[in-house]
Amino acid sequence: MKKILTLAVLLITTCTAFAEKIQFNVKGIVDKNTSKVLFYINDMNRNNPQIIPVKNGKFSITGIEERNAILYFMSSETAGVIAMNDGEDLNIDLIKDKIIFGSTANIELDNMLQNINSRAIQFDPVAEIFYKTEIAGTENSKLEREMANYYTQTSNMVVNYCLKHQNDVTPAYIIKEFYSLLNYKQFEQVLNPNSAYFSHPELDEAKGAFAMLAKRRPGINYHELNMIDANGKPAKLSQYLGNHYTLVDFWASWCGPYEQEVLYRKDAYKRYHNLGFDIVGVSLDSKENFWKDVIKSQELNWIQLSDLKGWESEAIVKYGLNIIPANVLIDPTGKIIATDLTGLDLMDKLAEIYQK
C-alpha cells in the first residue's frame, strides 16, 4: 500500500507541476513598420493567436499561464521567438528573432534554436539540389551522404542538448520539433522518465512516435504478417524468412519518396541476392490494380505482399508504422537488426554484412 500511495503522490506532483499558473512579463522590440505581434501558447492555439499591439517599435504583454507552457511570439509567419513560461521576465528582439534577457534555460534554448536555424540556412542550397535529384528520380551518392550527415549532426545536437538540460523543461520544445530525426536509441536517451520535462504535455506526440518505433526496434523478433502475394494467394511473412538476411520493405504505389528509395533497393538486390539477401515488399495499397501496375512498371522483382487494407493494414499495428517508406532488416534467426535504412545506409549495412 505504501508503494502505491507513493506512486499516486508522485503522479499528482508531476501533473500539478504543469497545471500551476504563474505570471509572465514580456517586453520586446520589433521593426517599426510592424503594427502587431502574434502571441500564442502551445501549438493548440496556433490558429487563434492573441494580437499584441506595437507602438514605436515596442510591445509588451503580461498574463497568467500554466508554468512551463510554451510561449510563441511572432512578427511574421516564418520568424519569431519561443520561450518556456518559467516565471522570469523576458525581453525579446523580434528584429533579430532572439532573446535579449531571460532565464538561463530560455537563453540556452534560444541559442540552440539559433544554431539549428543557421545550420539549416547554410545547408539549404545542398538540400534544394538533393530534392531536385529526388524528383528527377536520379541517384547522387555524394549529395545523399551530405544530407545524411546533416541530419545525423542535427539529431546528435538534439540528444546532447536534452542530456545537458535534464533539470529544466526546455527540451520539451526541442524534442517536439525534432523528434522525427531520432532513432530508437536516441529516443531512449532523451525520453528519460526522471527528467524535469518528461511529463510535459507537448511531448505526447513524440512519446506516441517512440511507442510506435518500439514495435520495430532492433533486438526484437519479427512480427508475423498474414497477407496475399502478387498472384492473389494467401502468404505469411515467415514463409520468406530464415537462413538469410531479409529487408521487409514497407511502401505503397502512391508513395512518392519510395521512387527514390527503390533505386537503392534494386541495386542492393542485384549486388547481394546471389549471396542470400532478399527483399519482401509489404504494400500499404488498398487498390490491387495500382499495386500490381507499379510492381510491373518499376520491375520490383522480389517478393511482394499486401492485405490491400491501406492504412488499416495489419502491418501498421504490428510494426508501428506512421510514415512510409519504412523497413526492418531481419537476420537469419528472425531478429530485427536495423530499422528504416534509407539509400546508402542500406548499402553500407549490406556491405558490412557480406564484406563486399
Protein backbone atom coordinates (compact mmCIF):
# COMPACT_ATOMS: atom_id res chain seq x y z
CA MET A 1 0.00 0.00 0.00
CA LYS A 2 2.85 2.35 0.82
CA LYS A 3 4.35 1.93 -2.66
CA ILE A 4 1.01 2.57 -4.33
CA LEU A 5 0.46 5.71 -2.26
CA THR A 6 3.97 6.95 -3.09
CA LEU A 7 3.32 6.46 -6.80
CA ALA A 8 0.00 8.27 -6.57
CA VAL A 9 1.62 11.23 -4.83
CA LEU A 10 4.36 11.29 -7.50
CA LEU A 11 1.76 11.38 -10.28
CA ILE A 12 -0.15 14.20 -8.59
CA THR A 13 3.07 16.16 -8.11
CA THR A 14 4.02 15.66 -11.74
CA CYS A 15 0.64 16.78 -13.04
CA THR A 16 0.35 19.81 -10.80
CA ALA A 17 3.84 20.95 -11.75
CA PHE A 18 2.44 21.74 -15.17
CA ALA A 19 -1.05 22.82 -14.02
CA GLU A 20 0.22 25.58 -11.70
CA LYS A 21 -0.40 29.01 -13.18
CA ILE A 22 2.15 31.78 -12.90
CA GLN A 23 2.58 35.30 -14.24
CA PHE A 24 4.68 36.10 -17.28
CA ASN A 25 6.04 39.55 -18.19
CA VAL A 26 7.38 40.10 -21.68
CA LYS A 27 8.77 43.20 -23.38
CA GLY A 28 10.25 43.41 -26.82
CA ILE A 29 11.23 45.37 -29.87
CA VAL A 30 10.15 44.84 -33.45
CA ASP A 31 10.58 46.53 -36.80
CA LYS A 32 8.97 49.97 -36.69
CA ASN A 33 6.89 49.14 -39.74
CA THR A 34 5.25 46.25 -37.88
CA SER A 35 1.90 47.07 -36.30
CA LYS A 36 1.29 43.88 -34.31
CA VAL A 37 2.90 40.84 -32.77
CA LEU A 38 1.20 37.44 -32.79
CA PHE A 39 1.27 35.60 -29.47
CA TYR A 40 0.03 32.11 -28.73
CA ILE A 41 0.55 29.44 -26.13
CA ASN A 42 1.44 25.89 -27.11
CA ASP A 43 0.69 24.57 -30.57
CA MET A 44 -3.03 24.11 -29.90
CA ASN A 45 -3.60 27.87 -30.10
CA ARG A 46 -1.62 28.48 -33.27
CA ASN A 47 -4.76 29.19 -35.31
CA ASN A 48 -6.15 31.62 -32.76
CA PRO A 49 -3.28 33.91 -31.71
CA GLN A 50 -3.58 36.87 -29.41
CA ILE A 51 -2.71 40.20 -31.02
CA ILE A 52 -0.20 42.35 -29.17
CA PRO A 53 -0.23 45.99 -30.39
CA VAL A 54 3.07 47.62 -31.32
CA LYS A 55 3.91 51.28 -30.63
CA ASN A 56 7.09 52.88 -31.94
CA GLY A 57 8.66 49.50 -32.49
CA LYS A 58 7.98 48.26 -28.96
CA PHE A 59 5.47 45.90 -27.39
CA SER A 60 4.75 44.30 -24.02
CA ILE A 61 2.38 41.76 -22.52
CA THR A 62 1.64 40.45 -19.03
CA GLY A 63 -0.54 37.47 -18.29
CA ILE A 64 -1.18 34.34 -16.25
CA GLU A 65 -0.48 30.96 -17.81
CA GLU A 66 0.50 27.44 -16.80
CA ARG A 67 4.06 27.04 -15.62
CA ASN A 68 6.27 25.67 -18.41
CA ALA A 69 3.76 26.44 -21.17
CA ILE A 70 5.46 27.18 -24.49
CA LEU A 71 5.14 30.85 -25.44
CA TYR A 72 5.38 31.88 -29.08
CA PHE A 73 5.97 35.45 -30.27
CA MET A 74 5.89 36.13 -33.99
CA SER A 75 6.07 39.22 -36.17
CA SER A 76 5.60 37.21 -39.37
CA GLU A 77 4.53 33.74 -40.45
CA THR A 78 8.08 32.41 -40.62
CA ALA A 79 10.03 34.04 -37.81
CA GLY A 80 9.74 34.54 -34.09
CA VAL A 81 10.93 33.70 -30.59
CA ILE A 82 10.00 30.70 -28.46
CA ALA A 83 10.34 30.56 -24.66
CA MET A 84 9.09 28.50 -21.74
CA ASN A 85 6.92 30.19 -19.13
CA ASP A 86 9.22 29.77 -16.12
CA GLY A 87 8.18 32.91 -14.22
CA GLU A 88 11.21 35.00 -15.13
CA ASP A 89 10.84 38.23 -17.13
CA LEU A 90 11.59 38.13 -20.83
CA ASN A 91 12.98 40.78 -23.13
CA ILE A 92 12.95 39.75 -26.77
CA ASP A 93 14.11 41.13 -30.11
CA LEU A 94 11.77 40.26 -32.99
CA ILE A 95 14.02 42.04 -35.47
CA LYS A 96 16.78 39.51 -34.93
CA ASP A 97 14.41 36.86 -33.53
CA LYS A 98 16.31 36.26 -30.32
CA ILE A 99 16.00 36.59 -26.55
CA ILE A 100 17.85 39.59 -25.12
CA PHE A 101 17.15 38.88 -21.47
CA GLY A 102 15.57 35.94 -19.64
CA SER A 103 16.28 32.85 -17.58
CA THR A 104 19.43 30.85 -18.28
CA ALA A 105 17.31 27.96 -19.56
CA ASN A 106 15.40 30.15 -22.01
CA ILE A 107 18.56 31.82 -23.28
CA GLU A 108 20.17 28.41 -23.87
CA LEU A 109 17.02 27.22 -25.64
CA ASP A 110 17.18 30.32 -27.84
CA ASN A 111 20.88 29.73 -28.59
CA MET A 112 20.14 26.13 -29.56
CA LEU A 113 17.36 27.18 -31.95
CA GLN A 114 19.55 29.92 -33.43
CA ASN A 115 22.27 27.34 -34.04
CA ILE A 116 19.94 24.85 -35.70
CA ASN A 117 18.38 27.58 -37.83
CA SER A 118 21.73 28.98 -39.02
CA ARG A 119 22.89 25.46 -39.97
CA ALA A 120 19.66 24.90 -41.89
CA ILE A 121 20.10 28.16 -43.82
CA GLN A 122 23.67 27.24 -44.71
CA PHE A 123 22.57 23.81 -45.85
CA ASP A 124 19.55 24.98 -47.89
CA PRO A 125 21.40 25.10 -51.27
CA VAL A 126 22.56 21.48 -50.87
CA ALA A 127 19.10 20.35 -49.81
CA GLU A 128 17.49 22.09 -52.79
CA ILE A 129 19.77 20.31 -55.25
CA PHE A 130 19.21 16.99 -53.50
CA TYR A 131 15.42 17.27 -53.64
CA LYS A 132 15.61 18.12 -57.33
CA THR A 133 17.54 14.88 -57.94
CA GLU A 134 14.86 13.02 -55.97
CA ILE A 135 12.09 14.48 -58.12
CA ALA A 136 14.05 13.56 -61.23
CA GLY A 137 14.48 10.01 -59.92
CA THR A 138 18.26 10.04 -60.16
CA GLU A 139 20.94 8.96 -57.69
CA ASN A 140 23.59 11.25 -56.26
CA SER A 141 25.52 9.44 -53.56
CA LYS A 142 27.64 12.47 -52.65
CA LEU A 143 24.57 14.63 -52.02
CA GLU A 144 22.83 11.86 -50.13
CA ARG A 145 25.78 11.42 -47.80
CA GLU A 146 25.85 15.16 -47.18
CA MET A 147 22.13 15.08 -46.34
CA ALA A 148 22.56 12.07 -44.07
CA ASN A 149 25.46 13.71 -42.25
CA TYR A 150 23.47 16.91 -41.79
CA TYR A 151 20.51 15.05 -40.24
CA THR A 152 22.83 12.93 -38.08
CA GLN A 153 24.61 16.02 -36.78
CA THR A 154 21.29 17.72 -36.04
CA SER A 155 19.89 14.69 -34.21
CA ASN A 156 23.10 14.48 -32.17
CA MET A 157 22.70 18.15 -31.27
CA VAL A 158 19.16 17.40 -30.05
CA VAL A 159 20.34 14.49 -27.91
CA ASN A 160 23.26 16.43 -26.43
CA TYR A 161 21.02 19.38 -25.59
CA CYS A 162 18.49 17.16 -23.84
CA LEU A 163 21.15 15.33 -21.84
CA LYS A 164 22.58 18.67 -20.71
CA HIS A 165 19.13 20.02 -19.74
CA GLN A 166 17.66 17.15 -17.75
CA ASN A 167 16.75 19.54 -14.93
CA ASP A 168 14.73 22.07 -16.91
CA VAL A 169 11.79 21.79 -19.30
CA THR A 170 13.24 23.41 -22.43
CA PRO A 171 13.99 20.03 -24.08
CA ALA A 172 10.22 19.53 -24.35
CA TYR A 173 10.16 22.05 -27.20
CA ILE A 174 13.32 20.70 -28.85
CA ILE A 175 12.01 17.14 -28.81
CA LYS A 176 8.56 18.22 -30.02
CA GLU A 177 10.07 19.93 -33.04
CA PHE A 178 12.83 17.46 -33.97
CA TYR A 179 11.81 14.00 -32.75
CA SER A 180 11.33 12.80 -36.33
CA LEU A 181 15.13 12.85 -36.71
CA LEU A 182 15.70 10.47 -33.79
CA ASN A 183 16.34 6.75 -33.98
CA TYR A 184 15.21 4.36 -31.27
CA LYS A 185 18.41 4.58 -29.22
CA GLN A 186 18.31 8.39 -29.29
CA PHE A 187 14.63 8.36 -28.27
CA GLU A 188 15.58 6.25 -25.25
CA GLN A 189 18.22 8.78 -24.29
CA VAL A 190 16.05 11.88 -24.49
CA LEU A 191 12.77 10.48 -23.11
CA ASN A 192 14.15 9.96 -19.64
CA PRO A 193 11.27 9.48 -17.13
CA ASN A 194 13.40 11.10 -14.43
CA SER A 195 13.93 14.32 -16.37
CA ALA A 196 12.16 17.56 -15.48
CA TYR A 197 10.49 17.71 -18.89
CA PHE A 198 9.28 14.12 -19.29
CA SER A 199 5.68 14.86 -18.25
CA HIS A 200 5.33 17.99 -20.37
CA PRO A 201 2.04 17.71 -22.32
CA GLU A 202 3.71 18.87 -25.55
CA LEU A 203 5.68 15.59 -25.62
CA ASP A 204 2.60 13.39 -26.14
CA GLU A 205 3.13 13.16 -29.90
CA ALA A 206 6.82 12.30 -29.53
CA LYS A 207 6.01 9.62 -26.96
CA GLY A 208 3.46 8.16 -29.36
CA ALA A 209 6.07 8.04 -32.12
CA PHE A 210 8.53 6.35 -29.75
CA ALA A 211 5.93 3.72 -28.81
CA MET A 212 5.33 3.03 -32.50
CA LEU A 213 9.05 2.81 -33.26
CA ALA A 214 9.49 0.37 -30.37
CA LYS A 215 7.44 -2.18 -32.30
CA ARG A 216 10.21 -2.45 -34.90
CA ARG A 217 13.24 -1.63 -32.79
CA PRO A 218 16.50 -3.53 -33.29
CA GLY A 219 16.90 -6.51 -31.00
CA ILE A 220 13.34 -7.87 -31.07
CA ASN A 221 12.00 -10.67 -33.25
CA TYR A 222 9.97 -10.00 -36.38
CA HIS A 223 6.15 -9.97 -36.27
CA GLU A 224 4.19 -12.37 -38.42
CA LEU A 225 2.02 -10.93 -41.21
CA ASN A 226 -0.85 -12.71 -42.95
CA MET A 227 -1.35 -11.29 -46.42
CA ILE A 228 -1.62 -12.21 -50.08
CA ASP A 229 1.12 -12.28 -52.67
CA ALA A 230 1.06 -10.56 -56.07
CA ASN A 231 -0.72 -13.62 -57.51
CA GLY A 232 -3.55 -13.31 -55.01
CA LYS A 233 -2.55 -16.36 -52.97
CA PRO A 234 -2.51 -16.33 -49.14
CA ALA A 235 1.00 -15.81 -47.81
CA LYS A 236 2.77 -15.36 -44.50
CA LEU A 237 5.86 -13.24 -43.98
CA SER A 238 7.55 -16.17 -42.22
CA GLN A 239 7.50 -18.15 -45.49
CA TYR A 240 10.23 -15.90 -46.84
CA LEU A 241 12.48 -15.65 -43.79
CA GLY A 242 15.19 -17.87 -42.35
CA ASN A 243 18.82 -18.74 -43.17
CA HIS A 244 19.39 -15.36 -44.82
CA TYR A 245 19.08 -11.62 -44.32
CA THR A 246 15.79 -10.09 -45.43
CA LEU A 247 14.72 -6.49 -45.83
CA VAL A 248 10.99 -6.15 -45.11
CA ASP A 249 10.20 -3.03 -47.10
CA PHE A 250 7.00 -1.07 -46.36
CA TRP A 251 5.83 1.00 -49.31
CA ALA A 252 2.82 1.89 -51.50
CA SER A 253 2.20 2.70 -55.15
CA TRP A 254 1.20 6.26 -54.21
CA CYS A 255 4.33 6.94 -52.10
CA GLY A 256 6.44 9.50 -53.97
CA PRO A 257 9.59 9.21 -51.79
CA TYR A 258 9.73 5.48 -52.49
CA GLU A 259 10.52 6.23 -56.14
CA GLN A 260 13.97 7.41 -55.00
CA GLU A 261 14.44 4.63 -52.45
CA VAL A 262 13.57 1.90 -54.94
CA LEU A 263 16.71 2.70 -56.95
CA TYR A 264 18.78 1.59 -53.98
CA ARG A 265 16.57 -1.47 -53.40
CA LYS A 266 17.24 -2.60 -56.96
CA ASP A 267 20.96 -2.03 -56.57
CA ALA A 268 21.03 -3.94 -53.27
CA TYR A 269 19.03 -6.82 -54.73
CA LYS A 270 21.30 -7.01 -57.77
CA ARG A 271 24.51 -6.99 -55.70
CA TYR A 272 23.58 -9.26 -52.83
CA HIS A 273 20.69 -11.53 -53.81
CA ASN A 274 23.06 -14.26 -55.00
CA LEU A 275 24.75 -14.09 -51.59
CA GLY A 276 21.48 -14.77 -49.81
CA PHE A 277 19.99 -11.32 -49.36
CA ASP A 278 16.29 -11.00 -50.05
CA ILE A 279 13.60 -8.32 -50.03
CA VAL A 280 9.95 -8.72 -49.10
CA GLY A 281 7.89 -5.74 -50.16
CA VAL A 282 4.84 -5.06 -47.96
CA SER A 283 2.48 -2.62 -49.65
CA LEU A 284 0.01 -0.35 -47.90
CA ASP A 285 -2.07 -0.09 -51.04
CA SER A 286 -5.82 -0.55 -50.96
CA LYS A 287 -6.35 -0.89 -54.72
CA GLU A 288 -4.99 -4.11 -56.18
CA ASN A 289 -4.60 -2.82 -59.73
CA PHE A 290 -2.47 0.16 -58.64
CA TRP A 291 -0.27 -2.12 -56.55
CA LYS A 292 0.29 -4.62 -59.35
CA ASP A 293 0.79 -1.93 -62.00
CA VAL A 294 3.70 -0.40 -60.06
CA ILE A 295 5.24 -3.80 -59.34
CA LYS A 296 5.29 -4.39 -63.08
CA SER A 297 6.27 -0.91 -64.29
CA GLN A 298 9.03 -0.50 -61.69
CA GLU A 299 10.23 -4.08 -62.15
CA LEU A 300 10.12 -4.90 -58.46
CA ASN A 301 11.37 -8.44 -58.95
CA TRP A 302 11.27 -9.59 -55.34
CA ILE A 303 8.50 -10.99 -53.14
CA GLN A 304 5.52 -8.66 -52.85
CA LEU A 305 2.82 -8.92 -50.18
CA SER A 306 -0.19 -6.86 -49.18
CA ASP A 307 -3.53 -7.20 -47.43
CA LEU A 308 -4.88 -4.31 -49.53
CA LYS A 309 -6.21 -2.50 -46.46
CA GLY A 310 -4.24 0.72 -46.86
CA TRP A 311 -3.65 2.44 -43.51
CA GLU A 312 -5.80 -0.23 -41.85
CA SER A 313 -3.20 -2.84 -42.76
CA GLU A 314 -2.07 -5.41 -40.21
CA ALA A 315 1.47 -4.15 -40.80
CA ILE A 316 0.59 -0.70 -39.40
CA VAL A 317 -0.25 -2.06 -35.97
CA LYS A 318 2.40 -4.76 -35.74
CA TYR A 319 5.33 -2.66 -36.96
CA GLY A 320 4.24 0.72 -35.63
CA LEU A 321 4.14 2.49 -38.97
CA ASN A 322 3.07 6.12 -39.20
CA ILE A 323 5.06 7.02 -42.31
CA ILE A 324 6.48 5.25 -45.35
CA PRO A 325 8.83 4.28 -46.81
CA ALA A 326 9.98 2.31 -43.76
CA ASN A 327 11.72 -1.02 -43.33
CA VAL A 328 13.26 -3.58 -41.00
CA LEU A 329 16.30 -5.72 -41.73
CA ILE A 330 15.88 -9.23 -40.31
CA ASP A 331 18.77 -11.62 -39.69
CA PRO A 332 18.75 -15.41 -40.25
CA THR A 333 17.43 -16.01 -36.70
CA GLY A 334 14.40 -13.78 -37.22
CA LYS A 335 15.74 -10.86 -35.20
CA ILE A 336 15.41 -7.25 -36.35
CA ILE A 337 18.94 -5.85 -36.59
CA ALA A 338 18.28 -2.48 -38.24
CA THR A 339 15.34 -0.18 -38.83
CA ASP A 340 14.46 2.35 -41.53
CA LEU A 341 17.65 2.06 -43.56
CA THR A 342 17.49 4.57 -46.38
CA GLY A 343 19.56 4.78 -49.54
CA LEU A 344 23.25 4.49 -48.87
CA ASP A 345 22.68 3.41 -45.26
CA LEU A 346 21.20 0.19 -46.60
CA MET A 347 24.10 -0.32 -48.98
CA ASP A 348 26.61 0.32 -46.19
CA LYS A 349 24.88 -2.16 -43.88
CA LEU A 350 24.82 -4.89 -46.53
CA ALA A 351 28.47 -4.24 -47.37
CA GLU A 352 29.25 -4.72 -43.68
CA ILE A 353 27.28 -7.98 -43.53
CA TYR A 354 28.58 -9.53 -46.72
CA GLN A 355 32.06 -7.97 -46.58
CA LYS A 356 31.65 -6.82 -50.15
